[in-house]
C-alpha cells in the first residue's frame, strides 16, 4: 500500500536544522550596531581631520601670500631716496604693529630754495636766480621740471608729492596741478590744502613717492597706498598678530623705527604673521615668519 506524504510536513524545519533564537538575534543586532557606530565614528573623525587639514592649508596659503606682498615692497624700500629720508618706519604696538615703506618714483627731487610758511600756500621754489646756493641754480633744472610735469600728467593732471625737512624732522603730503618757469624762478604751488608745517630755505626736499602702510584693522591686515586712508586694501583675514622688527647692520634688533633713523642701516626686516580660524569645535592656529632684505641699501 502506498502512503501519500502530507503537504503539512513541509511546514516544519528540515531534520537537523534549527531557527535563530531571540538571544542570537539580539546579539547579532547589537554587534551590527557596534560595528556601525565604530564606522560612523571613524568617518566623522576622518571628516574632522580633512576639514582641519584644509583649514590649516588655507591659513598657510593666506599667510604666505601676505608675506610675499610685504616682502616684495620691502625690497623696493628707499629707492631713489637718501638714507636720512624716512623710507622705513615701524610703530611698535605690541602684536599689531604699523609698518610703512616708501620709495621715490622719480630720480629728480625738488629743493625748497625759500622759506615755506605753515598755514599758507607758499610755492616750492626749486630754481631761484637770486640764490647763492648751487642746488638752487636755474641751470639744468629743465629736466627736473619736465620729470615732475610728466609725473603729474601720469597721475591724471593733479600730482601727489611729499616734502620732508631733516633738521625739523617734519614732512607732509601735498598736491599740485601746474609748474611755473620764468627767467627768475621755477616753482610749483600746492593746491587744496595749506601747509601744515613750516620749512626752512634749502632745508626741505620734495619727492614723488610711492608709500605702502600696513596695519591690522580688527583681524584684517590692510594696506593703505599713498595715504589714501579712505580706500584701504585688504591683504589677509583672520590675523591675530602682525609684528615687525628691524635688524641693523651692527647686528642689533629694534622693535620700532622712526623719523630720523637712517634706513640705510637696515640689514633685514623680520615679519611675523599669526592667524586662527575655527574648524568645527577646534581652533586652527598658524604662524609664519619672513626675513627680507631692502636691496636699495646697497646703492644708498
C-alpha atoms as a PDB file:
ATOM      1  CA  UNK A   1       0.000   0.000   0.000  1.00  0.00           C
ATOM      2  CA  UNK A   2       1.343   3.423  -0.914  1.00  0.00           C
ATOM      3  CA  UNK A   3       1.218   6.337   1.502  1.00  0.00           C
ATOM      4  CA  UNK A   4       0.877   9.968   0.421  1.00  0.00           C
ATOM      5  CA  UNK A   5       3.068  12.373   2.319  1.00  0.00           C
ATOM      6  CA  UNK A   6       1.136  15.223   3.808  1.00  0.00           C
ATOM      7  CA  UNK A   7       2.000  18.614   2.473  1.00  0.00           C
ATOM      8  CA  UNK A   8       1.837  19.851   6.034  1.00  0.00           C
ATOM      9  CA  UNK A   9       5.140  18.137   6.696  1.00  0.00           C
ATOM     10  CA  UNK A  10       6.892  20.869   4.685  1.00  0.00           C
ATOM     11  CA  UNK A  11       5.853  23.462   7.269  1.00  0.00           C
ATOM     12  CA  UNK A  12       8.325  22.049   9.718  1.00  0.00           C
ATOM     13  CA  UNK A  13      12.098  22.684   9.738  1.00  0.00           C
ATOM     14  CA  UNK A  14      14.001  20.020   7.855  1.00  0.00           C
ATOM     15  CA  UNK A  15      15.595  17.468  10.092  1.00  0.00           C
ATOM     16  CA  UNK A  16      18.955  18.676  11.554  1.00  0.00           C
ATOM     17  CA  UNK A  17      18.253  22.468  11.097  1.00  0.00           C
ATOM     18  CA  UNK A  18      17.261  24.898  13.852  1.00  0.00           C
ATOM     19  CA  UNK A  19      15.933  28.513  13.722  1.00  0.00           C
ATOM     20  CA  UNK A  20      17.581  31.612  15.329  1.00  0.00           C
ATOM     21  CA  UNK A  21      16.762  32.146  18.922  1.00  0.00           C
ATOM     22  CA  UNK A  22      15.809  35.568  20.270  1.00  0.00           C
ATOM     23  CA  UNK A  23      19.153  35.808  22.073  1.00  0.00           C
ATOM     24  CA  UNK A  24      21.076  35.176  18.879  1.00  0.00           C
ATOM     25  CA  UNK A  25      19.088  37.795  17.025  1.00  0.00           C
ATOM     26  CA  UNK A  26      19.680  40.286  19.838  1.00  0.00           C
ATOM     27  CA  UNK A  27      23.434  39.652  19.819  1.00  0.00           C
ATOM     28  CA  UNK A  28      23.602  39.965  16.025  1.00  0.00           C
ATOM     29  CA  UNK A  29      21.726  43.263  16.023  1.00  0.00           C
ATOM     30  CA  UNK A  30      23.911  44.549  18.855  1.00  0.00           C
ATOM     31  CA  UNK A  31      27.101  43.647  17.013  1.00  0.00           C
ATOM     32  CA  UNK A  32      25.789  45.345  13.882  1.00  0.00           C
ATOM     33  CA  UNK A  33      25.098  48.498  15.842  1.00  0.00           C
ATOM     34  CA  UNK A  34      28.586  48.474  17.410  1.00  0.00           C
ATOM     35  CA  UNK A  35      30.274  47.988  14.048  1.00  0.00           C
ATOM     36  CA  UNK A  36      28.132  50.749  12.531  1.00  0.00           C
ATOM     37  CA  UNK A  37      28.938  53.092  15.408  1.00  0.00           C
ATOM     38  CA  UNK A  38      32.667  52.420  15.013  1.00  0.00           C
ATOM     39  CA  UNK A  39      32.450  53.014  11.274  1.00  0.00           C
ATOM     40  CA  UNK A  40      30.497  56.251  11.788  1.00  0.00           C
ATOM     41  CA  UNK A  41      32.967  57.462  14.414  1.00  0.00           C
ATOM     42  CA  UNK A  42      35.888  56.737  12.121  1.00  0.00           C
ATOM     43  CA  UNK A  43      34.137  58.509   9.261  1.00  0.00           C
ATOM     44  CA  UNK A  44      33.417  61.576  11.393  1.00  0.00           C
ATOM     45  CA  UNK A  45      36.995  61.558  12.678  1.00  0.00           C
ATOM     46  CA  UNK A  46      38.292  61.427   9.123  1.00  0.00           C
ATOM     47  CA  UNK A  47      35.996  64.291   8.172  1.00  0.00           C
ATOM     48  CA  UNK A  48      37.332  66.375  11.070  1.00  0.00           C
ATOM     49  CA  UNK A  49      40.919  65.624  10.095  1.00  0.00           C
ATOM     50  CA  UNK A  50      40.269  66.531   6.455  1.00  0.00           C
ATOM     51  CA  UNK A  51      38.496  69.747   7.487  1.00  0.00           C
ATOM     52  CA  UNK A  52      41.317  70.604   9.933  1.00  0.00           C
ATOM     53  CA  UNK A  53      43.996  69.985   7.285  1.00  0.00           C
ATOM     54  CA  UNK A  54      42.026  72.058   4.775  1.00  0.00           C
ATOM     55  CA  UNK A  55      41.744  74.976   7.206  1.00  0.00           C
ATOM     56  CA  UNK A  56      45.425  74.697   8.100  1.00  0.00           C
ATOM     57  CA  UNK A  57      46.429  74.651   4.435  1.00  0.00           C
ATOM     58  CA  UNK A  58      44.194  77.650   3.757  1.00  0.00           C
ATOM     59  CA  UNK A  59      45.750  79.589   6.643  1.00  0.00           C
ATOM     60  CA  UNK A  60      49.247  78.736   5.420  1.00  0.00           C
ATOM     61  CA  UNK A  61      48.407  79.947   1.927  1.00  0.00           C
ATOM     62  CA  UNK A  62      46.947  83.211   3.253  1.00  0.00           C
ATOM     63  CA  UNK A  63      49.959  83.848   5.477  1.00  0.00           C
ATOM     64  CA  UNK A  64      52.364  83.055   2.656  1.00  0.00           C
ATOM     65  CA  UNK A  65      50.501  85.414   0.293  1.00  0.00           C
ATOM     66  CA  UNK A  66      50.673  88.188   2.898  1.00  0.00           C
ATOM     67  CA  UNK A  67      54.405  87.686   3.433  1.00  0.00           C
ATOM     68  CA  UNK A  68      55.000  87.670  -0.323  1.00  0.00           C
ATOM     69  CA  UNK A  69      53.294  91.061  -0.698  1.00  0.00           C
ATOM     70  CA  UNK A  70      55.163  92.521   2.275  1.00  0.00           C
ATOM     71  CA  UNK A  71      58.486  91.134   1.099  1.00  0.00           C
ATOM     72  CA  UNK A  72      58.042  92.498  -2.413  1.00  0.00           C
ATOM     73  CA  UNK A  73      57.500  96.004  -1.026  1.00  0.00           C
ATOM     74  CA  UNK A  74      60.370  95.780   1.484  1.00  0.00           C
ATOM     75  CA  UNK A  75      62.741  95.060  -1.401  1.00  0.00           C
ATOM     76  CA  UNK A  76      61.676  98.358  -3.032  1.00  0.00           C
ATOM     77  CA  UNK A  77      62.089 100.457   0.134  1.00  0.00           C
ATOM     78  CA  UNK A  78      64.296 103.524  -0.191  1.00  0.00           C
ATOM     79  CA  UNK A  79      64.618 103.530  -3.978  1.00  0.00           C
ATOM     80  CA  UNK A  80      65.914 106.959  -5.131  1.00  0.00           C
ATOM     81  CA  UNK A  81      65.840 108.234  -1.531  1.00  0.00           C
ATOM     82  CA  UNK A  82      68.721 109.389   0.708  1.00  0.00           C
ATOM     83  CA  UNK A  83      69.440 107.495   3.899  1.00  0.00           C
ATOM     84  CA  UNK A  84      68.065 110.252   6.138  1.00  0.00           C
ATOM     85  CA  UNK A  85      64.634 110.156   4.474  1.00  0.00           C
ATOM     86  CA  UNK A  86      62.069 108.070   6.464  1.00  0.00           C
ATOM     87  CA  UNK A  87      61.762 105.262   3.908  1.00  0.00           C
ATOM     88  CA  UNK A  88      61.133 102.528   6.514  1.00  0.00           C
ATOM     89  CA  UNK A  89      59.001 103.189   9.595  1.00  0.00           C
ATOM     90  CA  UNK A  90      57.809 100.796  12.289  1.00  0.00           C
ATOM     91  CA  UNK A  91      55.445 101.803  15.072  1.00  0.00           C
ATOM     92  CA  UNK A  92      55.560  99.177  17.808  1.00  0.00           C
ATOM     93  CA  UNK A  93      52.057  98.418  19.073  1.00  0.00           C
ATOM     94  CA  UNK A  94      52.781  95.017  20.574  1.00  0.00           C
ATOM     95  CA  UNK A  95      51.209  92.334  18.392  1.00  0.00           C
ATOM     96  CA  UNK A  96      49.647  94.831  15.951  1.00  0.00           C
ATOM     97  CA  UNK A  97      52.440  96.993  14.548  1.00  0.00           C
ATOM     98  CA  UNK A  98      52.174  99.667  11.857  1.00  0.00           C
ATOM     99  CA  UNK A  99      54.716  99.300   9.059  1.00  0.00           C
ATOM    100  CA  UNK A 100      55.384 101.993   6.430  1.00  0.00           C
ATOM    101  CA  UNK A 101      57.520 101.585   3.308  1.00  0.00           C
ATOM    102  CA  UNK A 102      58.393 104.365   0.858  1.00  0.00           C
ATOM    103  CA  UNK A 103      60.276 104.773  -2.413  1.00  0.00           C
ATOM    104  CA  UNK A 104      60.705 107.657  -4.839  1.00  0.00           C
ATOM    105  CA  UNK A 105      59.233 107.187  -8.295  1.00  0.00           C
ATOM    106  CA  UNK A 106      61.425 109.900  -9.830  1.00  0.00           C
ATOM    107  CA  UNK A 107      65.182 110.316  -9.795  1.00  0.00           C
ATOM    108  CA  UNK A 108      64.654 114.086  -9.561  1.00  0.00           C
ATOM    109  CA  UNK A 109      63.711 115.773  -6.279  1.00  0.00           C
ATOM    110  CA  UNK A 110      62.949 119.434  -5.565  1.00  0.00           C
ATOM    111  CA  UNK A 111      64.794 121.582  -3.032  1.00  0.00           C
ATOM    112  CA  UNK A 112      62.871 124.361  -1.314  1.00  0.00           C
ATOM    113  CA  UNK A 113      65.053 127.393  -2.076  1.00  0.00           C
ATOM    114  CA  UNK A 114      62.963 129.802   0.013  1.00  0.00           C
ATOM    115  CA  UNK A 115      61.093 129.521   3.317  1.00  0.00           C
ATOM    116  CA  UNK A 116      57.738 127.769   3.261  1.00  0.00           C
ATOM    117  CA  UNK A 117      55.293 129.010   5.892  1.00  0.00           C
ATOM    118  CA  UNK A 118      52.687 126.912   7.704  1.00  0.00           C
ATOM    119  CA  UNK A 119      49.093 127.917   7.025  1.00  0.00           C
ATOM    120  CA  UNK A 120      49.894 129.363   3.602  1.00  0.00           C
ATOM    121  CA  UNK A 121      50.079 128.122   0.030  1.00  0.00           C
ATOM    122  CA  UNK A 122      53.724 129.128  -0.308  1.00  0.00           C
ATOM    123  CA  UNK A 123      55.236 127.691  -3.509  1.00  0.00           C
ATOM    124  CA  UNK A 124      58.107 125.231  -3.547  1.00  0.00           C
ATOM    125  CA  UNK A 125      60.711 127.306  -5.365  1.00  0.00           C
ATOM    126  CA  UNK A 126      63.306 124.887  -6.673  1.00  0.00           C
ATOM    127  CA  UNK A 127      65.116 127.246  -9.021  1.00  0.00           C
ATOM    128  CA  UNK A 128      65.972 130.807  -7.980  1.00  0.00           C
ATOM    129  CA  UNK A 129      68.286 133.151  -9.873  1.00  0.00           C
ATOM    130  CA  UNK A 130      68.785 135.270  -6.733  1.00  0.00           C
ATOM    131  CA  UNK A 131      70.013 132.355  -4.609  1.00  0.00           C
ATOM    132  CA  UNK A 132      73.702 131.748  -3.997  1.00  0.00           C
ATOM    133  CA  UNK A 133      73.115 128.044  -3.345  1.00  0.00           C
ATOM    134  CA  UNK A 134      74.332 125.766  -6.138  1.00  0.00           C
ATOM    135  CA  UNK A 135      71.344 123.445  -5.682  1.00  0.00           C
ATOM    136  CA  UNK A 136      69.022 126.381  -6.460  1.00  0.00           C
ATOM    137  CA  UNK A 137      70.667 127.339  -9.730  1.00  0.00           C
ATOM    138  CA  UNK A 138      68.305 127.581 -12.673  1.00  0.00           C
ATOM    139  CA  UNK A 139      70.750 125.770 -14.931  1.00  0.00           C
ATOM    140  CA  UNK A 140      69.992 122.118 -15.644  1.00  0.00           C
ATOM    141  CA  UNK A 141      66.563 122.391 -13.991  1.00  0.00           C
ATOM    142  CA  UNK A 142      64.569 121.878 -17.167  1.00  0.00           C
ATOM    143  CA  UNK A 143      64.954 118.109 -16.814  1.00  0.00           C
ATOM    144  CA  UNK A 144      63.601 118.317 -13.271  1.00  0.00           C
ATOM    145  CA  UNK A 145      60.660 120.447 -14.392  1.00  0.00           C
ATOM    146  CA  UNK A 146      59.895 118.056 -17.250  1.00  0.00           C
ATOM    147  CA  UNK A 147      60.048 114.990 -14.985  1.00  0.00           C
ATOM    148  CA  UNK A 148      57.642 116.467 -12.427  1.00  0.00           C
ATOM    149  CA  UNK A 149      55.273 117.666 -15.131  1.00  0.00           C
ATOM    150  CA  UNK A 150      55.274 114.192 -16.683  1.00  0.00           C
ATOM    151  CA  UNK A 151      54.543 112.594 -13.309  1.00  0.00           C
ATOM    152  CA  UNK A 152      51.616 114.945 -12.742  1.00  0.00           C
ATOM    153  CA  UNK A 153      50.147 114.135 -16.154  1.00  0.00           C
ATOM    154  CA  UNK A 154      50.561 110.409 -15.456  1.00  0.00           C
ATOM    155  CA  UNK A 155      48.644 110.860 -12.191  1.00  0.00           C
ATOM    156  CA  UNK A 156      45.708 112.378 -14.055  1.00  0.00           C
ATOM    157  CA  UNK A 157      46.629 116.061 -14.084  1.00  0.00           C
ATOM    158  CA  UNK A 158      46.949 116.548 -10.323  1.00  0.00           C
ATOM    159  CA  UNK A 159      50.228 115.335  -8.867  1.00  0.00           C
ATOM    160  CA  UNK A 160      50.831 113.963  -5.380  1.00  0.00           C
ATOM    161  CA  UNK A 161      54.152 114.743  -3.718  1.00  0.00           C
ATOM    162  CA  UNK A 162      55.772 114.601  -0.297  1.00  0.00           C
ATOM    163  CA  UNK A 163      58.007 117.230   1.309  1.00  0.00           C
ATOM    164  CA  UNK A 164      60.401 116.484   4.167  1.00  0.00           C
ATOM    165  CA  UNK A 165      62.846 118.507   6.240  1.00  0.00           C
ATOM    166  CA  UNK A 166      65.509 116.554   8.059  1.00  0.00           C
ATOM    167  CA  UNK A 167      66.514 119.254  10.564  1.00  0.00           C
ATOM    168  CA  UNK A 168      62.976 119.758  11.917  1.00  0.00           C
ATOM    169  CA  UNK A 169      62.070 116.103  11.264  1.00  0.00           C
ATOM    170  CA  UNK A 170      58.707 117.011   9.692  1.00  0.00           C
ATOM    171  CA  UNK A 171      57.017 116.103   6.436  1.00  0.00           C
ATOM    172  CA  UNK A 172      53.636 116.025   4.708  1.00  0.00           C
ATOM    173  CA  UNK A 173      51.793 115.158   1.507  1.00  0.00           C
ATOM    174  CA  UNK A 174      50.754 117.858  -0.947  1.00  0.00           C
ATOM    175  CA  UNK A 175      49.039 118.137  -4.337  1.00  0.00           C
ATOM    176  CA  UNK A 176      49.904 120.410  -7.271  1.00  0.00           C
ATOM    177  CA  UNK A 177      48.339 120.948 -10.695  1.00  0.00           C
ATOM    178  CA  UNK A 178      50.899 123.016 -12.617  1.00  0.00           C
ATOM    179  CA  UNK A 179      54.555 124.011 -12.855  1.00  0.00           C
ATOM    180  CA  UNK A 180      55.826 127.551 -13.408  1.00  0.00           C
ATOM    181  CA  UNK A 181      59.080 128.546 -15.087  1.00  0.00           C
ATOM    182  CA  UNK A 182      60.317 132.037 -15.946  1.00  0.00           C
ATOM    183  CA  UNK A 183      63.625 133.870 -16.193  1.00  0.00           C
ATOM    184  CA  UNK A 184      63.924 134.206 -12.424  1.00  0.00           C
ATOM    185  CA  UNK A 185      62.264 131.148 -10.863  1.00  0.00           C
ATOM    186  CA  UNK A 186      60.953 127.639 -11.231  1.00  0.00           C
ATOM    187  CA  UNK A 187      58.291 126.556  -8.763  1.00  0.00           C
ATOM    188  CA  UNK A 188      55.159 124.539  -8.050  1.00  0.00           C
ATOM    189  CA  UNK A 189      52.332 125.665  -5.788  1.00  0.00           C
ATOM    190  CA  UNK A 190      50.274 123.373  -3.550  1.00  0.00           C
ATOM    191  CA  UNK A 191      46.511 123.216  -4.027  1.00  0.00           C
ATOM    192  CA  UNK A 192      43.534 122.153  -1.887  1.00  0.00           C
ATOM    193  CA  UNK A 193      45.320 122.276   1.489  1.00  0.00           C
ATOM    194  CA  UNK A 194      47.611 124.864   3.070  1.00  0.00           C
ATOM    195  CA  UNK A 195      50.922 123.715   4.538  1.00  0.00           C
ATOM    196  CA  UNK A 196      50.731 122.060   7.949  1.00  0.00           C
ATOM    197  CA  UNK A 197      54.394 122.709   8.784  1.00  0.00           C
ATOM    198  CA  UNK A 198      56.967 125.397   8.052  1.00  0.00           C
ATOM    199  CA  UNK A 199      60.123 124.516   6.123  1.00  0.00           C
ATOM    200  CA  UNK A 200      63.397 126.444   6.056  1.00  0.00           C
ATOM    201  CA  UNK A 201      65.098 127.591   2.873  1.00  0.00           C
ATOM    202  CA  UNK A 202      67.482 124.979   1.439  1.00  0.00           C
ATOM    203  CA  UNK A 203      66.455 122.526   4.174  1.00  0.00           C
ATOM    204  CA  UNK A 204      63.414 120.774   2.691  1.00  0.00           C
ATOM    205  CA  UNK A 205      63.215 118.403  -0.258  1.00  0.00           C
ATOM    206  CA  UNK A 206      60.162 117.232  -2.181  1.00  0.00           C
ATOM    207  CA  UNK A 207      59.692 113.831  -3.798  1.00  0.00           C
ATOM    208  CA  UNK A 208      57.123 111.953  -5.837  1.00  0.00           C
ATOM    209  CA  UNK A 209      56.632 108.908  -3.635  1.00  0.00           C
ATOM    210  CA  UNK A 210      55.000 105.542  -3.529  1.00  0.00           C
ATOM    211  CA  UNK A 211      54.037 104.663   0.024  1.00  0.00           C
ATOM    212  CA  UNK A 212      52.576 101.450   1.438  1.00  0.00           C
ATOM    213  CA  UNK A 213      51.359 101.467   5.043  1.00  0.00           C
ATOM    214  CA  UNK A 214      50.411  98.126   6.608  1.00  0.00           C
ATOM    215  CA  UNK A 215      48.420  97.676   9.823  1.00  0.00           C
ATOM    216  CA  UNK A 216      45.762  95.467  11.372  1.00  0.00           C
ATOM    217  CA  UNK A 217      42.163  96.603  11.304  1.00  0.00           C
ATOM    218  CA  UNK A 218      40.432  94.136  13.605  1.00  0.00           C
ATOM    219  CA  UNK A 219      41.763  90.805  12.337  1.00  0.00           C
ATOM    220  CA  UNK A 220      42.438  92.011   8.771  1.00  0.00           C
ATOM    221  CA  UNK A 221      45.837  93.153   7.524  1.00  0.00           C
ATOM    222  CA  UNK A 222      45.231  96.225   5.385  1.00  0.00           C
ATOM    223  CA  UNK A 223      47.469  98.214   3.038  1.00  0.00           C
ATOM    224  CA  UNK A 224      46.960 101.958   2.570  1.00  0.00           C
ATOM    225  CA  UNK A 225      48.587 103.243  -0.624  1.00  0.00           C
ATOM    226  CA  UNK A 226      49.858 106.832  -0.864  1.00  0.00           C
ATOM    227  CA  UNK A 227      47.952 107.948   2.241  1.00  0.00           C
ATOM    228  CA  UNK A 228      44.579 107.060   0.669  1.00  0.00           C
ATOM    229  CA  UNK A 229      43.070 106.079   4.024  1.00  0.00           C
ATOM    230  CA  UNK A 230      39.541 106.076   2.601  1.00  0.00           C
ATOM    231  CA  UNK A 231      40.325 103.097   0.360  1.00  0.00           C
ATOM    232  CA  UNK A 232      42.434 100.532   2.218  1.00  0.00           C
ATOM    233  CA  UNK A 233      43.216  97.229   0.512  1.00  0.00           C
ATOM    234  CA  UNK A 234      42.580  94.025   2.457  1.00  0.00           C
ATOM    235  CA  UNK A 235      45.577  91.666   2.349  1.00  0.00           C
ATOM    236  CA  UNK A 236      44.968  88.817   4.847  1.00  0.00           C
ATOM    237  CA  UNK A 237      41.979  87.974   7.058  1.00  0.00           C
ATOM    238  CA  UNK A 238      41.876  86.147  10.376  1.00  0.00           C
ATOM    239  CA  UNK A 239      45.146  87.560  11.749  1.00  0.00           C
ATOM    240  CA  UNK A 240      45.877  87.747  15.456  1.00  0.00           C
ATOM    241  CA  UNK A 241      49.409  89.148  15.151  1.00  0.00           C
ATOM    242  CA  UNK A 242      51.348  91.424  12.806  1.00  0.00           C
ATOM    243  CA  UNK A 243      54.812  92.020  14.203  1.00  0.00           C
ATOM    244  CA  UNK A 244      57.751  93.777  12.539  1.00  0.00           C
ATOM    245  CA  UNK A 245      61.299  94.096  13.862  1.00  0.00           C
ATOM    246  CA  UNK A 246      64.341  95.687  12.248  1.00  0.00           C
ATOM    247  CA  UNK A 247      67.774  94.072  12.291  1.00  0.00           C
ATOM    248  CA  UNK A 248      70.506  96.682  11.859  1.00  0.00           C
ATOM    249  CA  UNK A 249      73.866  96.303  10.137  1.00  0.00           C
ATOM    250  CA  UNK A 250      75.630  96.126  13.541  1.00  0.00           C
ATOM    251  CA  UNK A 251      73.567  93.051  14.470  1.00  0.00           C
ATOM    252  CA  UNK A 252      71.174  94.706  16.933  1.00  0.00           C
ATOM    253  CA  UNK A 253      67.409  94.312  16.590  1.00  0.00           C
ATOM    254  CA  UNK A 254      64.881  97.063  17.313  1.00  0.00           C
ATOM    255  CA  UNK A 255      61.088  96.955  17.642  1.00  0.00           C
ATOM    256  CA  UNK A 256      60.470 100.426  16.205  1.00  0.00           C
ATOM    257  CA  UNK A 257      61.957 102.667  13.526  1.00  0.00           C
ATOM    258  CA  UNK A 258      61.099 106.350  13.327  1.00  0.00           C
ATOM    259  CA  UNK A 259      61.835 109.602  11.509  1.00  0.00           C
ATOM    260  CA  UNK A 260      65.494 110.404  11.981  1.00  0.00           C
ATOM    261  CA  UNK A 261      66.607 106.763  11.849  1.00  0.00           C
ATOM    262  CA  UNK A 262      68.791 106.088   8.820  1.00  0.00           C
ATOM    263  CA  UNK A 263      67.100 103.397   6.735  1.00  0.00           C
ATOM    264  CA  UNK A 264      70.402 102.567   5.014  1.00  0.00           C
ATOM    265  CA  UNK A 265      71.486 100.958   8.321  1.00  0.00           C
ATOM    266  CA  UNK A 266      68.762  98.304   7.936  1.00  0.00           C
ATOM    267  CA  UNK A 267      70.131  94.810   7.292  1.00  0.00           C
ATOM    268  CA  UNK A 268      66.909  92.778   7.460  1.00  0.00           C
ATOM    269  CA  UNK A 269      63.225  93.300   8.116  1.00  0.00           C
ATOM    270  CA  UNK A 270      61.715  90.442  10.148  1.00  0.00           C
ATOM    271  CA  UNK A 271      57.948  89.973   9.896  1.00  0.00           C
ATOM    272  CA  UNK A 272      55.683  87.584  11.822  1.00  0.00           C
ATOM    273  CA  UNK A 273      52.085  86.871  10.841  1.00  0.00           C
ATOM    274  CA  UNK A 274      49.823  84.751  13.055  1.00  0.00           C
ATOM    275  CA  UNK A 275      46.272  83.688  12.269  1.00  0.00           C
ATOM    276  CA  UNK A 276      43.481  81.488  13.612  1.00  0.00           C
ATOM    277  CA  UNK A 277      40.290  80.004  12.213  1.00  0.00           C
ATOM    278  CA  UNK A 278      37.501  77.902  13.691  1.00  0.00           C
ATOM    279  CA  UNK A 279      37.313  74.309  12.389  1.00  0.00           C
ATOM    280  CA  UNK A 280      34.281  72.623  13.955  1.00  0.00           C
ATOM    281  CA  UNK A 281      34.930  72.610  17.698  1.00  0.00           C
ATOM    282  CA  UNK A 282      38.664  73.122  17.222  1.00  0.00           C
ATOM    283  CA  UNK A 283      40.642  76.324  16.623  1.00  0.00           C
ATOM    284  CA  UNK A 284      43.319  76.169  13.935  1.00  0.00           C
ATOM    285  CA  UNK A 285      46.283  78.438  14.735  1.00  0.00           C
ATOM    286  CA  UNK A 286      49.269  79.089  12.490  1.00  0.00           C
ATOM    287  CA  UNK A 287      52.264  81.463  12.494  1.00  0.00           C
ATOM    288  CA  UNK A 288      54.700  82.258   9.730  1.00  0.00           C
ATOM    289  CA  UNK A 289      57.917  84.297   9.725  1.00  0.00           C
ATOM    290  CA  UNK A 290      59.758  86.026   6.903  1.00  0.00           C
ATOM    291  CA  UNK A 291      63.015  87.978   6.708  1.00  0.00           C
ATOM    292  CA  UNK A 292      63.526  90.426   3.853  1.00  0.00           C
ATOM    293  CA  UNK A 293      66.462  92.496   2.637  1.00  0.00           C
ATOM    294  CA  UNK A 294      65.845  96.084   1.433  1.00  0.00           C
ATOM    295  CA  UNK A 295      68.176  95.828  -1.529  1.00  0.00           C
ATOM    296  CA  UNK A 296      68.377  99.591  -2.092  1.00  0.00           C
ATOM    297  CA  UNK A 297      70.716  99.925   0.911  1.00  0.00           C
ATOM    298  CA  UNK A 298      73.423  98.719  -1.474  1.00  0.00           C
ATOM    299  CA  UNK A 299      73.024 101.846  -3.601  1.00  0.00           C
ATOM    300  CA  UNK A 300      72.055 104.282  -0.833  1.00  0.00           C
END
